[in-house]
Protein backbone atom coordinates (compact mmCIF):
# COMPACT_ATOMS: atom_id res chain seq x y z
CA MET A 1 -36.68 -84.85 -2.99
CA THR A 2 -33.89 -84.43 -0.43
CA ALA A 3 -33.53 -86.33 2.82
CA VAL A 4 -34.34 -83.15 4.75
CA GLN A 5 -37.61 -82.69 2.83
CA THR A 6 -38.52 -86.33 3.29
CA ALA A 7 -38.05 -86.05 7.05
CA THR A 8 -40.05 -82.83 7.42
CA PRO A 9 -43.07 -83.53 9.64
CA PRO A 10 -46.48 -82.79 8.03
CA SER A 11 -47.19 -80.03 10.55
CA MET A 12 -43.98 -78.22 9.62
CA ARG A 13 -44.49 -78.74 5.89
CA LEU A 14 -48.00 -77.28 6.12
CA ARG A 15 -46.65 -74.30 8.07
CA GLU A 16 -44.15 -73.74 5.26
CA LEU A 17 -46.84 -73.98 2.60
CA VAL A 18 -49.17 -71.44 4.21
CA PHE A 19 -46.29 -68.99 3.99
CA GLY A 20 -46.03 -69.59 0.23
CA ALA A 21 -46.91 -65.94 -0.35
CA ALA A 22 -43.68 -64.97 1.41
CA CYS A 23 -41.65 -66.96 -1.12
CA ALA A 24 -43.53 -65.40 -4.05
CA ALA A 25 -43.08 -61.92 -2.56
CA ALA A 26 -39.36 -62.55 -2.00
CA LEU A 27 -38.95 -63.64 -5.62
CA ARG A 28 -40.77 -60.53 -6.80
CA ALA A 29 -38.63 -58.30 -4.61
CA ALA A 30 -35.40 -59.86 -5.89
CA ALA A 31 -36.57 -59.48 -9.49
CA ARG A 32 -37.63 -55.85 -9.04
CA LEU A 33 -34.41 -54.97 -7.22
CA GLY A 34 -32.29 -56.61 -9.92
CA VAL A 35 -30.34 -58.74 -7.45
CA ALA A 36 -29.65 -61.53 -9.95
CA ASP A 37 -28.44 -59.03 -12.56
CA ALA A 38 -26.07 -57.41 -10.05
CA LEU A 39 -24.56 -60.75 -9.03
CA ASP A 40 -22.11 -62.18 -11.53
CA ASP A 41 -20.06 -65.40 -11.49
CA THR A 42 -18.06 -64.25 -8.46
CA PRO A 43 -19.84 -64.49 -5.09
CA LEU A 44 -20.34 -61.12 -3.38
CA ALA A 45 -20.54 -59.94 0.20
CA VAL A 46 -23.99 -58.67 1.02
CA GLU A 47 -22.60 -55.16 1.60
CA ASP A 48 -21.25 -55.03 -1.97
CA LEU A 49 -24.43 -56.47 -3.39
CA ALA A 50 -26.53 -53.99 -1.42
CA ALA A 51 -24.48 -51.10 -2.81
CA GLU A 52 -25.16 -52.39 -6.35
CA VAL A 53 -28.93 -52.64 -5.91
CA LYS A 54 -29.27 -49.68 -3.52
CA THR A 55 -30.72 -51.44 -0.47
CA GLU A 56 -29.89 -51.80 3.20
CA PRO A 57 -27.40 -54.67 3.69
CA LYS A 58 -29.16 -56.13 6.73
CA THR A 59 -32.57 -56.38 5.07
CA LEU A 60 -31.06 -57.64 1.81
CA ARG A 61 -29.37 -60.44 3.76
CA ARG A 62 -32.75 -61.39 5.24
CA LEU A 63 -34.31 -61.48 1.75
CA LEU A 64 -31.47 -63.58 0.34
CA ARG A 65 -31.48 -66.05 3.24
CA ALA A 66 -35.20 -66.62 2.72
CA LEU A 67 -34.62 -67.30 -0.98
CA CYS A 68 -31.64 -69.57 -0.25
CA CYS A 69 -34.05 -71.90 1.58
CA TYR A 70 -35.66 -72.59 -1.81
CA GLY A 71 -32.42 -72.96 -3.75
CA ILE A 72 -32.66 -69.44 -5.17
CA PHE A 73 -29.17 -68.03 -4.49
CA ALA A 74 -26.70 -69.77 -2.17
CA GLU A 75 -24.90 -68.49 0.91
CA GLN A 76 -21.23 -69.45 1.06
CA PRO A 77 -19.46 -70.49 4.31
CA ASP A 78 -17.77 -67.06 4.39
CA GLY A 79 -21.16 -65.31 4.21
CA ARG A 80 -20.96 -64.24 0.57
CA PHE A 81 -23.85 -64.97 -1.77
CA ALA A 82 -23.60 -66.82 -5.07
CA HIS A 83 -25.81 -67.76 -7.98
CA THR A 84 -27.63 -71.07 -8.38
CA ASP A 85 -29.20 -72.50 -11.52
CA MET A 86 -32.54 -71.04 -10.42
CA SER A 87 -31.33 -67.57 -9.45
CA ARG A 88 -29.66 -67.17 -12.86
CA LEU A 89 -33.13 -67.47 -14.41
CA LEU A 90 -34.01 -64.16 -12.73
CA ARG A 91 -31.36 -62.37 -14.81
CA GLU A 92 -32.71 -60.24 -17.64
CA ASP A 93 -29.96 -61.41 -20.01
CA ASP A 94 -30.30 -65.16 -19.42
CA PRO A 95 -31.49 -66.90 -22.63
CA HIS A 96 -33.99 -68.87 -20.53
CA SER A 97 -34.93 -65.94 -18.28
CA LEU A 98 -38.09 -66.27 -16.19
CA ARG A 99 -37.84 -62.78 -14.70
CA ALA A 100 -40.88 -61.48 -16.61
CA ILE A 101 -42.92 -64.54 -15.65
CA ALA A 102 -41.94 -64.11 -11.99
CA LEU A 103 -43.15 -60.51 -12.09
CA TRP A 104 -46.36 -61.31 -13.97
CA CYS A 105 -47.42 -64.03 -11.53
CA THR A 106 -46.92 -61.66 -8.59
CA GLU A 107 -48.44 -58.47 -10.02
CA PRO A 108 -50.47 -56.29 -7.59
CA TRP A 109 -53.84 -57.54 -8.88
CA THR A 110 -52.90 -61.13 -7.95
CA TRP A 111 -52.62 -60.23 -4.27
CA GLN A 112 -56.18 -58.90 -4.40
CA ALA A 113 -57.57 -61.85 -6.34
CA TRP A 114 -56.04 -64.89 -4.58
CA PRO A 115 -57.93 -64.35 -1.30
CA MET A 116 -61.17 -64.68 -3.30
CA LEU A 117 -60.32 -68.11 -4.71
CA ASP A 118 -62.99 -69.77 -2.56
CA GLU A 119 -65.61 -67.50 -4.17
CA ALA A 120 -64.31 -68.36 -7.66
CA VAL A 121 -64.53 -72.06 -6.80
CA ARG A 122 -68.10 -71.63 -5.54
CA SER A 123 -69.29 -69.68 -8.55
CA GLY A 124 -67.05 -71.16 -11.26
CA ARG A 125 -66.31 -67.70 -12.64
CA SER A 126 -63.72 -64.92 -12.57
CA VAL A 127 -63.56 -62.57 -9.58
CA VAL A 128 -61.91 -59.71 -11.48
CA LYS A 129 -65.14 -57.96 -12.45
CA ASP A 130 -66.26 -58.01 -8.81
CA LEU A 131 -62.92 -56.53 -7.78
CA PHE A 132 -62.37 -53.93 -10.48
CA GLY A 133 -65.72 -53.54 -12.23
CA LYS A 134 -64.29 -54.59 -15.60
CA GLU A 135 -63.27 -57.70 -17.50
CA PHE A 136 -59.67 -58.68 -16.91
CA PHE A 137 -57.92 -57.43 -20.07
CA THR A 138 -60.03 -54.28 -20.16
CA TYR A 139 -58.93 -53.60 -16.59
CA LEU A 140 -55.27 -54.22 -17.44
CA ASN A 141 -55.20 -51.99 -20.49
CA GLU A 142 -57.28 -49.15 -19.03
CA ASP A 143 -56.36 -49.11 -15.34
CA ALA A 144 -53.10 -51.03 -14.95
CA PRO A 145 -50.92 -50.24 -18.00
CA GLU A 146 -47.70 -51.14 -16.18
CA SER A 147 -49.14 -54.55 -15.37
CA ALA A 148 -50.29 -54.91 -18.98
CA ASP A 149 -46.71 -54.21 -20.06
CA VAL A 150 -45.42 -56.88 -17.67
CA PHE A 151 -47.97 -59.32 -19.12
CA ASN A 152 -46.86 -58.58 -22.68
CA ARG A 153 -43.18 -59.01 -21.78
CA ALA A 154 -43.91 -62.28 -19.96
CA MET A 155 -45.90 -63.68 -22.87
CA THR A 156 -43.24 -62.59 -25.36
CA THR A 157 -40.46 -64.22 -23.33
CA SER A 158 -42.44 -67.43 -22.95
CA SER A 159 -43.36 -67.48 -26.64
CA VAL A 160 -39.80 -66.90 -27.84
CA GLN A 161 -38.52 -69.74 -25.68
CA SER A 162 -41.22 -72.25 -26.62
CA ALA A 163 -41.20 -71.29 -30.33
CA ARG A 164 -37.82 -72.96 -30.74
CA ASP A 165 -39.18 -76.19 -29.24
CA VAL A 166 -42.28 -76.11 -31.44
CA ALA A 167 -40.21 -75.56 -34.60
CA GLU A 168 -37.89 -78.41 -33.64
CA LEU A 169 -40.82 -80.77 -33.02
CA LEU A 170 -42.94 -80.08 -36.10
CA ASP A 171 -42.02 -81.36 -39.54
CA LEU A 172 -43.76 -79.18 -42.14
CA SER A 173 -41.59 -80.23 -45.07
CA GLY A 174 -44.63 -81.45 -47.02
CA SER A 175 -46.61 -78.22 -46.51
CA SER A 176 -46.54 -74.94 -48.42
CA SER A 177 -48.39 -72.70 -45.94
CA VAL A 178 -48.88 -72.36 -42.18
CA ALA A 179 -51.19 -70.07 -40.19
CA ASP A 180 -50.49 -69.06 -36.59
CA ILE A 181 -53.94 -68.42 -35.09
CA GLY A 182 -54.00 -66.03 -32.15
CA GLY A 183 -50.23 -66.25 -32.36
CA GLY A 184 -49.33 -62.99 -30.63
CA GLN A 185 -46.20 -61.46 -32.13
CA GLY A 186 -45.66 -64.51 -34.34
CA HIS A 187 -42.56 -66.09 -32.82
CA VAL A 188 -43.79 -69.60 -33.61
CA VAL A 189 -44.55 -68.91 -37.27
CA ALA A 190 -41.25 -67.03 -37.62
CA SER A 191 -39.32 -70.02 -36.26
CA LEU A 192 -41.17 -72.35 -38.64
CA LEU A 193 -40.44 -70.12 -41.66
CA GLU A 194 -36.77 -70.05 -40.73
CA LYS A 195 -36.71 -73.85 -40.50
CA HIS A 196 -38.55 -74.34 -43.84
CA PRO A 197 -37.34 -71.86 -46.51
CA GLY A 198 -40.15 -72.79 -48.92
CA LEU A 199 -42.95 -72.21 -46.42
CA HIS A 200 -45.33 -69.22 -46.47
CA GLY A 201 -46.95 -68.01 -43.26
CA THR A 202 -49.89 -66.04 -41.90
CA LEU A 203 -50.31 -64.51 -38.46
CA LEU A 204 -53.86 -63.80 -37.26
CA ASP A 205 -54.40 -61.82 -34.08
CA LEU A 206 -56.01 -58.63 -32.81
CA PRO A 207 -55.02 -55.45 -34.70
CA ARG A 208 -52.91 -53.98 -31.88
CA VAL A 209 -51.08 -57.30 -31.53
CA VAL A 210 -50.15 -57.86 -35.18
CA ALA A 211 -49.13 -54.20 -35.42
CA ASN A 212 -46.31 -55.15 -33.03
CA ALA A 213 -45.42 -58.45 -34.68
CA ASP A 214 -41.90 -59.83 -34.62
CA PRO A 215 -39.72 -57.47 -36.74
CA ARG A 216 -38.72 -60.44 -38.93
CA LEU A 217 -42.34 -60.62 -40.14
CA ARG A 218 -43.05 -56.94 -40.77
CA ASP A 219 -42.22 -54.88 -43.88
CA GLY A 220 -38.49 -54.94 -44.42
CA GLY A 221 -38.01 -57.96 -42.16
CA ALA A 222 -36.05 -61.04 -43.16
CA LEU A 223 -39.22 -63.13 -43.53
CA ALA A 224 -41.66 -60.45 -44.72
CA ASP A 225 -41.76 -61.65 -48.32
CA ARG A 226 -43.17 -65.01 -47.16
CA MET A 227 -45.48 -63.57 -44.52
CA ARG A 228 -49.01 -62.14 -44.30
CA LEU A 229 -50.25 -60.29 -41.21
CA VAL A 230 -54.02 -60.47 -40.72
CA PRO A 231 -55.71 -58.38 -38.01
CA GLY A 232 -58.84 -59.96 -36.55
CA ASP A 233 -60.48 -61.88 -33.72
CA CYS A 234 -60.15 -65.63 -34.30
CA ARG A 235 -63.22 -66.22 -32.13
CA GLU A 236 -65.28 -64.30 -34.68
CA ALA A 237 -63.74 -65.60 -37.92
CA VAL A 238 -60.59 -67.18 -39.38
CA PRO A 239 -60.27 -65.66 -42.89
CA VAL A 240 -57.11 -67.64 -43.63
CA LYS A 241 -56.59 -70.64 -45.91
CA ALA A 242 -53.53 -72.76 -45.08
CA ASP A 243 -52.22 -76.31 -45.14
CA VAL A 244 -51.38 -76.21 -41.41
CA TYR A 245 -52.94 -74.23 -38.55
CA ILE A 246 -51.10 -73.69 -35.26
CA ILE A 247 -53.19 -72.90 -32.17
CA LYS A 248 -50.95 -72.40 -29.16
CA ASN A 249 -51.95 -71.59 -25.58
CA ILE A 250 -55.21 -69.84 -26.39
CA LEU A 251 -57.81 -72.58 -25.76
CA GLU A 252 -58.06 -71.49 -22.13
CA TRP A 253 -61.08 -69.22 -22.45
CA ASP A 254 -64.65 -70.14 -21.64
CA ASP A 255 -66.06 -73.19 -23.44
CA GLU A 256 -68.15 -71.14 -25.88
CA SER A 257 -65.16 -69.12 -27.13
CA THR A 258 -63.02 -72.25 -27.47
CA THR A 259 -65.73 -74.04 -29.44
CA ARG A 260 -66.21 -71.07 -31.79
CA LEU A 261 -62.49 -70.78 -32.49
CA LEU A 262 -62.06 -74.47 -33.30
CA ARG A 263 -65.09 -74.49 -35.58
CA ASN A 264 -63.78 -71.39 -37.37
CA VAL A 265 -60.45 -73.13 -38.02
CA VAL A 266 -62.14 -76.32 -39.24
CA GLU A 267 -64.31 -74.32 -41.65
CA ALA A 268 -61.36 -72.25 -42.89
CA GLY A 269 -59.05 -75.21 -43.43
CA GLY A 270 -61.52 -77.63 -44.92
CA PRO A 271 -60.98 -81.36 -45.47
CA GLY A 272 -57.37 -82.48 -45.18
CA ALA A 273 -56.11 -79.45 -43.28
CA ARG A 274 -53.68 -80.14 -40.44
CA VAL A 275 -54.41 -78.47 -37.11
CA VAL A 276 -51.76 -78.53 -34.36
CA VAL A 277 -53.04 -77.50 -30.93
CA ILE A 278 -50.37 -76.83 -28.30
CA GLU A 279 -51.32 -76.45 -24.63
CA ASN A 280 -50.22 -76.93 -21.02
CA LEU A 281 -51.95 -79.90 -19.43
CA VAL A 282 -52.90 -80.43 -15.80
CA ASP A 283 -52.84 -84.21 -15.82
CA ASP A 284 -49.82 -85.35 -17.86
CA SER A 285 -46.88 -83.08 -17.21
CA PRO A 286 -43.76 -83.00 -15.03
CA SER A 287 -44.71 -79.39 -14.20
CA LEU A 288 -48.00 -80.09 -12.42
CA ARG A 289 -47.41 -77.64 -9.57
CA PHE A 290 -46.87 -74.85 -12.08
CA SER A 291 -49.67 -75.79 -14.48
CA THR A 292 -52.27 -76.38 -11.75
CA ALA A 293 -51.37 -73.01 -10.20
CA MET A 294 -51.79 -71.34 -13.59
CA ASP A 295 -55.11 -73.15 -13.93
CA LEU A 296 -56.35 -71.54 -10.72
CA MET A 297 -55.05 -68.13 -11.82
CA LEU A 298 -57.01 -68.48 -15.07
CA LEU A 299 -60.14 -69.18 -13.05
CA LEU A 300 -59.54 -66.01 -11.05
CA ASN A 301 -58.75 -63.62 -13.88
CA VAL A 302 -60.73 -64.73 -16.95
CA GLY A 303 -62.85 -67.65 -15.74
CA GLY A 304 -60.80 -69.95 -17.97
CA ALA A 305 -59.04 -73.26 -17.35
CA LYS A 306 -56.06 -75.35 -18.33
CA HIS A 307 -56.99 -78.63 -19.99
CA THR A 308 -56.60 -82.26 -19.08
CA THR A 309 -55.82 -84.67 -21.90
CA GLU A 310 -59.43 -85.84 -21.76
CA SER A 311 -61.00 -82.37 -21.80
CA LEU A 312 -58.88 -81.13 -24.70
CA THR A 313 -59.45 -84.35 -26.63
CA GLY A 314 -63.19 -83.84 -26.11
CA ARG A 315 -63.08 -80.23 -27.35
CA LEU A 316 -61.10 -81.17 -30.47
CA THR A 317 -63.31 -84.15 -31.29
CA GLU A 318 -66.51 -82.15 -30.79
CA ALA A 319 -65.17 -79.58 -33.24
CA GLY A 320 -64.88 -82.30 -35.88
CA LEU A 321 -61.13 -82.89 -35.73
CA VAL A 322 -59.42 -86.28 -35.86
CA ILE A 323 -56.50 -86.53 -33.42
CA ASP A 324 -53.58 -88.30 -35.11
CA ASP A 325 -50.92 -87.90 -32.41
CA ILE A 326 -50.23 -86.39 -28.99
CA ARG A 327 -46.61 -85.56 -28.17
CA PRO A 328 -44.73 -83.54 -25.55
CA VAL A 329 -43.15 -80.36 -26.92
CA ASN A 330 -41.12 -79.74 -23.76
CA PRO A 331 -41.73 -80.32 -20.02
CA TYR A 332 -44.55 -77.74 -20.07
CA LEU A 333 -46.38 -78.22 -23.36
CA HIS A 334 -48.08 -80.98 -25.36
CA ALA A 335 -48.94 -80.92 -29.08
CA PHE A 336 -52.20 -82.44 -30.35
CA ASP A 337 -51.64 -83.11 -34.05
CA CYS A 338 -55.03 -83.23 -35.76
CA THR A 339 -56.63 -83.40 -39.20
CA VAL A 340 -59.89 -82.07 -40.60
CA PRO A 341 -61.46 -85.28 -42.00
CA SER A 342 -62.57 -85.61 -45.62
C-alpha cells in the first residue's frame, strides 16, 4: 500500500469504491478498443493512439487518465501514454494475458445481475432465471452466443495458464494413468502427459466440450496415442478407471451436484486411487479480493460458491476421501491431494 493510499480518508476511499463500476467499465472499454494492443514499448501521444484505435483523442485521454489512477497505463510528463505491468496483461499476445477474463467479468449480463445481489443474498440462489427466464448456461448458449464465446475464451486462457503450474506441482512419476474430470479442453491432462512420457490420460466432459479438446489430444495430435476422450456428465457418472483423478475448478456448483461428482469419482477409482482437487479459496489466498468477488458472481449466475479450506475439506471428507496434503498451486489456486481409503 502506498503512502497516498494510507492517507486517504475513509470518506474518500468509500466514494472511490462506490464508483468501482467505472473502473470495471473503463477496463472493458480499453480491452474492446484494443488500446493495449495498439500501444507498444514506445510511449505514444494520445492523438496517435486514438488514430490506431479509431476513437476521439479527447475522450480517449479521459479513459486513459481514469485507468492511470489504478496503475493501468501511465501518463508521461510530456503527456504521452505508456504501458505498465498491468496494462500489458490486456494485450491479446501477452503470454499471461487477462484480456478475456476482463471481458468475461464485465459482460452485459453482469451489469443486469449485480444490482440484484441483495436479492441473491436474501434467497441464497441465482438471480439469472428471474432476469432471463432460463438457467445461466442455457441463457448464454441460446440467447447470448457472443457472451458464451467470451466465456469459453476466458476459461481456455485461464486453463492454459494454470495447467503449467499444475503440471509443475504434481509428481505423477509413480502412476500409469490420469483422468481429468470435467477438464474442459484438457489443457491440464495435456501438460501432465507432456511432463510424463509414460503416462496415459483420459478427458471426461460434456460432448460439445470434448469435441473441441486441445488439438494435441485429438486424432493426429502429438498426444493422441496416449489419450482417450470420453463424452459425458461427471455429475451423472464417471465411467473412467485411473490411478489419479484431477478435479479442477468445478466444485463450485450447488452442494448436491458437488456431492454426486465426488462420490462418482470415489466409486470409479476405488481403494488406493489418488484424487487431486484444485480450487480457488476464499480464506487462504493472496488474491482474496478477486476470489471473493468471483464467489459473489457465482452466487448471482449459478447459485454456486467458492470454497473455504474448511468447507472443501468437509465436502471431500464426507465423500469418503482422506486428505493427505494441501498445497498452493499458484497465488490463486490450492491443491487438495487425497486418497480413496482401502
